[in-house]
Amino acid sequence: MQSTGLEQEDYFDFLFKIILIGDTDVGKTSVIQRFKTGNFSERQQSTIGVDFIVRTLNIQGRKVKMQVWDTAGQERFRTITQSYYRSAHAAMITYDITRESTFNSVPQWIREMEQYGAANVLLALIGNKCDLESERQVEFNEACTVAKQKGFVVALETSAKEAQNVDQAFIVMAHELLARNGLAVKEHGYHVDSPRILLPSNTTTINSPTNNVEKKPCQC
């Protein structure tokens, strides 16, 4: 049978669906667009309902397709966005480090994922806009505490504007999801010595039938 070439282009080993949730204007869309295109726009329109992008990562020779869903933070869209929670393999709960109110909303978003998401969904805690250090209202150690208490697989701070830790956030989740599928992870592929990344489950190992890699904690 003659190949059309489409099979190779669309081929992937794994498809993971990740949803970004959090209050409005925390920068979810900017994070996603930075991950997808490598670009940043100062004038980013608020998401209406749900949108998504796709990017394929090559991790140890495996093609991992990441379908990343962008959700509106406004209350009036909540019914729409909640319907997408169940099929997500992972959720990134996002807040703005310059607005404490958005961090205070994190428990609410956790409850929503517990209520509407899959039972085994992986959670990440993302503090965006870390380039605005002079306007900081939420210290990273506060996020670390929440992440440890609530069983998040990672807590980190990002800057969509300066491209800090954006790719790393998705690479972490891809590695964690691969590990959940029982695949050996020889190298993390992200900088675990960064002061803005914490792997709360640092006393455990990545479960794998062939290899165990110790997770080293980051200082925060």
Protein backbone atom coordinates (compact mmCIF):
# COMPACT_ATOMS: atom_id res chain seq x y z
CA MET A 1 0.00 0.00 0.00
CA GLN A 2 1.44 3.34 -1.03
CA SER A 3 1.89 5.87 1.76
CA THR A 4 0.42 9.32 1.36
CA GLY A 5 2.90 10.82 3.81
CA LEU A 6 0.06 11.87 6.09
CA GLU A 7 0.60 8.89 8.36
CA GLN A 8 4.16 9.97 9.19
CA GLU A 9 3.13 13.56 9.81
CA ASP A 10 0.29 12.59 12.14
CA TYR A 11 2.11 9.72 13.82
CA PHE A 12 2.61 9.88 17.56
CA ASP A 13 3.32 7.41 20.34
CA PHE A 14 1.25 9.12 23.03
CA LEU A 15 -1.46 11.73 23.15
CA PHE A 16 -1.85 13.64 26.41
CA LYS A 17 -4.54 16.22 27.07
CA ILE A 18 -3.63 19.02 29.48
CA ILE A 19 -6.02 21.72 30.63
CA LEU A 20 -5.03 25.11 32.04
CA ILE A 21 -7.45 26.52 34.58
CA GLY A 22 -7.35 29.51 36.91
CA ASP A 23 -8.76 32.99 37.38
CA THR A 24 -9.14 35.34 34.46
CA ASP A 25 -6.11 37.38 33.32
CA VAL A 26 -3.50 35.22 35.01
CA GLY A 27 -1.86 34.62 31.63
CA LYS A 28 -3.04 31.12 30.71
CA THR A 29 -3.39 32.00 27.03
CA SER A 30 0.02 33.71 26.96
CA VAL A 31 1.67 30.63 28.50
CA ILE A 32 0.02 28.36 25.95
CA GLN A 33 0.88 30.58 23.00
CA ARG A 34 4.49 30.84 24.16
CA PHE A 35 4.62 27.03 24.33
CA LYS A 36 3.03 26.66 20.89
CA THR A 37 4.70 29.40 18.86
CA GLY A 38 7.52 30.76 21.01
CA ASN A 39 5.96 34.21 20.76
CA PHE A 40 4.42 36.60 23.28
CA SER A 41 1.82 39.31 22.73
CA GLU A 42 1.23 42.15 25.17
CA ARG A 43 -2.34 42.42 23.89
CA GLN A 44 -3.80 38.98 24.45
CA GLN A 45 -7.57 38.74 24.26
CA SER A 46 -9.40 36.84 26.98
CA THR A 47 -10.42 33.33 26.05
CA ILE A 48 -14.10 32.78 25.35
CA GLY A 49 -15.11 29.32 26.51
CA VAL A 50 -12.40 26.84 25.53
CA ASP A 51 -9.64 26.82 22.92
CA PHE A 52 -6.73 24.43 22.36
CA ILE A 53 -3.37 24.06 20.67
CA VAL A 54 -1.28 21.02 19.78
CA ARG A 55 2.48 20.59 19.97
CA THR A 56 4.46 17.39 19.64
CA LEU A 57 7.48 16.79 21.86
CA ASN A 58 10.24 14.28 21.19
CA ILE A 59 11.11 12.60 24.48
CA GLN A 60 13.72 9.86 24.33
CA GLY A 61 12.72 8.98 20.81
CA ARG A 62 9.00 8.94 21.54
CA LYS A 63 6.66 11.37 19.84
CA VAL A 64 4.40 12.79 22.54
CA LYS A 65 1.54 14.89 21.25
CA MET A 66 0.41 17.47 23.80
CA GLN A 67 -3.11 18.77 23.31
CA VAL A 68 -3.31 21.79 25.59
CA TRP A 69 -6.69 23.30 26.38
CA ASP A 70 -7.04 26.96 27.26
CA THR A 71 -10.08 27.80 29.41
CA ALA A 72 -11.84 31.02 30.27
CA GLY A 73 -11.55 32.06 33.89
CA GLN A 74 -14.80 34.00 34.03
CA GLU A 75 -17.63 32.53 36.06
CA ARG A 76 -20.10 32.80 33.16
CA PHE A 77 -18.10 30.24 31.16
CA ARG A 78 -17.65 27.79 34.03
CA THR A 79 -20.34 25.34 32.88
CA ILE A 80 -18.68 25.11 29.47
CA THR A 81 -15.16 24.65 30.75
CA GLN A 82 -16.10 22.09 33.40
CA SER A 83 -17.34 19.73 30.70
CA TYR A 84 -13.74 19.43 29.47
CA TYR A 85 -12.23 18.47 32.82
CA ARG A 86 -13.11 14.77 32.70
CA SER A 87 -11.06 13.89 29.62
CA ALA A 88 -7.91 15.75 30.73
CA HIS A 89 -4.91 13.68 31.79
CA ALA A 90 -3.40 16.63 33.65
CA ALA A 91 -4.40 20.09 34.80
CA MET A 92 -2.23 23.14 35.36
CA ILE A 93 -3.81 25.41 37.95
CA THR A 94 -2.46 28.85 37.15
CA TYR A 95 -2.25 32.01 39.24
CA ASP A 96 -0.63 35.43 38.89
CA ILE A 97 2.21 36.04 41.36
CA THR A 98 1.33 39.77 41.38
CA ARG A 99 -2.30 39.18 42.43
CA GLU A 100 -2.74 37.36 45.71
CA SER A 101 -6.46 36.92 45.06
CA THR A 102 -5.68 34.57 42.16
CA PHE A 103 -3.53 32.42 44.43
CA ASN A 104 -6.28 32.41 47.05
CA SER A 105 -8.56 30.95 44.38
CA VAL A 106 -6.34 27.87 43.94
CA PRO A 107 -8.28 25.76 46.50
CA GLN A 108 -11.46 26.48 44.56
CA TRP A 109 -9.88 25.25 41.33
CA ILE A 110 -8.61 22.15 43.12
CA ARG A 111 -12.15 21.41 44.30
CA GLU A 112 -13.46 21.82 40.75
CA MET A 113 -10.94 19.31 39.44
CA GLU A 114 -11.82 16.91 42.24
CA GLN A 115 -15.48 17.25 41.38
CA TYR A 116 -15.39 17.25 37.60
CA GLY A 117 -12.00 15.83 36.61
CA ALA A 118 -10.83 12.25 36.28
CA ALA A 119 -9.95 10.46 39.50
CA ASN A 120 -6.27 10.09 38.57
CA VAL A 121 -5.66 13.48 36.95
CA LEU A 122 -2.20 14.95 37.54
CA LEU A 123 -2.03 18.48 38.92
CA ALA A 124 0.61 21.19 38.46
CA LEU A 125 0.70 24.57 40.18
CA ILE A 126 1.87 27.42 37.92
CA GLY A 127 2.70 30.91 39.18
CA ASN A 128 2.85 33.10 36.09
CA LYS A 129 4.39 36.57 35.52
CA CYS A 130 7.50 35.91 37.58
CA ASP A 131 9.26 38.61 35.54
CA LEU A 132 7.29 41.18 37.58
CA GLU A 133 9.34 40.62 40.73
CA SER A 134 8.82 44.16 42.02
CA GLU A 135 5.05 43.60 42.03
CA ARG A 136 5.15 40.15 43.65
CA GLN A 137 2.38 39.39 46.16
CA VAL A 138 2.80 35.60 46.38
CA GLU A 139 6.07 34.06 47.50
CA PHE A 140 7.12 30.82 45.85
CA ASN A 141 7.44 29.04 49.18
CA GLU A 142 3.70 29.57 49.67
CA ALA A 143 3.07 27.73 46.41
CA CYS A 144 5.50 24.99 47.45
CA THR A 145 3.55 24.46 50.67
CA VAL A 146 0.24 24.12 48.82
CA ALA A 147 1.79 21.79 46.24
CA LYS A 148 3.16 19.49 48.92
CA GLN A 149 -0.08 19.45 50.88
CA LYS A 150 -2.29 18.79 47.86
CA GLY A 151 -0.12 16.26 46.06
CA PHE A 152 0.78 18.31 42.99
CA VAL A 153 3.41 16.68 40.80
CA VAL A 154 5.18 20.00 40.31
CA ALA A 155 5.04 23.64 41.37
CA LEU A 156 6.87 26.24 39.34
CA GLU A 157 6.90 29.88 38.33
CA THR A 158 6.76 30.96 34.72
CA SER A 159 7.06 34.09 32.65
CA ALA A 160 5.27 33.88 29.34
CA LYS A 161 6.80 37.26 28.46
CA GLU A 162 10.39 36.17 29.02
CA ALA A 163 9.87 32.47 28.23
CA GLN A 164 10.97 31.36 31.69
CA ASN A 165 10.05 27.76 32.55
CA VAL A 166 7.21 27.61 30.03
CA ASP A 167 8.56 24.69 28.03
CA GLN A 168 9.78 23.11 31.26
CA ALA A 169 6.25 23.10 32.67
CA PHE A 170 4.95 21.00 29.81
CA ILE A 171 8.04 18.80 29.65
CA VAL A 172 7.63 17.99 33.35
CA MET A 173 4.04 16.95 32.76
CA ALA A 174 4.96 14.87 29.70
CA HIS A 175 7.60 13.01 31.72
CA GLU A 176 5.22 12.45 34.61
CA LEU A 177 2.50 11.15 32.28
CA LEU A 178 4.97 8.84 30.54
CA ALA A 179 6.08 7.56 33.94
CA ARG A 180 2.45 6.89 34.81
CA ASN A 181 2.32 4.73 31.71
CA GLY A 182 5.18 2.66 33.08
CA LEU A 183 7.91 4.00 30.82
CA ALA A 184 11.48 4.47 31.96
CA VAL A 185 12.63 8.07 32.16
CA LYS A 186 16.42 8.16 31.98
CA GLU A 187 16.71 11.95 31.96
CA HIS A 188 14.20 14.48 33.17
CA GLY A 189 14.87 16.95 30.38
CA TYR A 190 14.26 19.95 32.62
CA HIS A 191 16.38 21.90 35.08
CA VAL A 192 15.66 20.46 38.51
CA ASP A 193 18.20 22.83 40.06
CA SER A 194 16.08 25.88 39.18
CA PRO A 195 14.98 27.90 42.23
CA ARG A 196 11.59 28.34 40.57
CA ILE A 197 10.77 24.64 40.13
CA LEU A 198 9.82 22.24 42.91
CA LEU A 199 9.02 18.55 42.56
CA PRO A 200 7.10 17.98 45.81
CA SER A 201 7.30 14.19 45.64
CA ASN A 202 11.08 14.39 45.98
CA THR A 203 11.35 11.46 48.36
CA THR A 204 9.85 9.03 45.85
CA THR A 205 11.03 7.64 42.55
CA ILE A 206 9.46 7.59 39.11
CA ASN A 207 7.75 4.24 38.81
CA SER A 208 9.18 2.25 35.93
CA PRO A 209 9.53 -1.46 35.24
CA THR A 210 13.14 -0.97 34.10
CA ASN A 211 14.53 2.12 35.72
CA ASN A 212 14.04 4.26 38.79
CA VAL A 213 15.18 7.87 38.72
CA GLU A 214 15.31 9.78 41.97
CA LYS A 215 13.50 13.10 41.99
CA LYS A 216 15.72 15.77 43.49
CA PRO A 217 14.02 18.66 45.28
CA CYS A 218 14.64 22.28 44.37
CA GLN A 219 15.33 24.94 46.93
CA CYS A 220 12.55 27.47 47.36
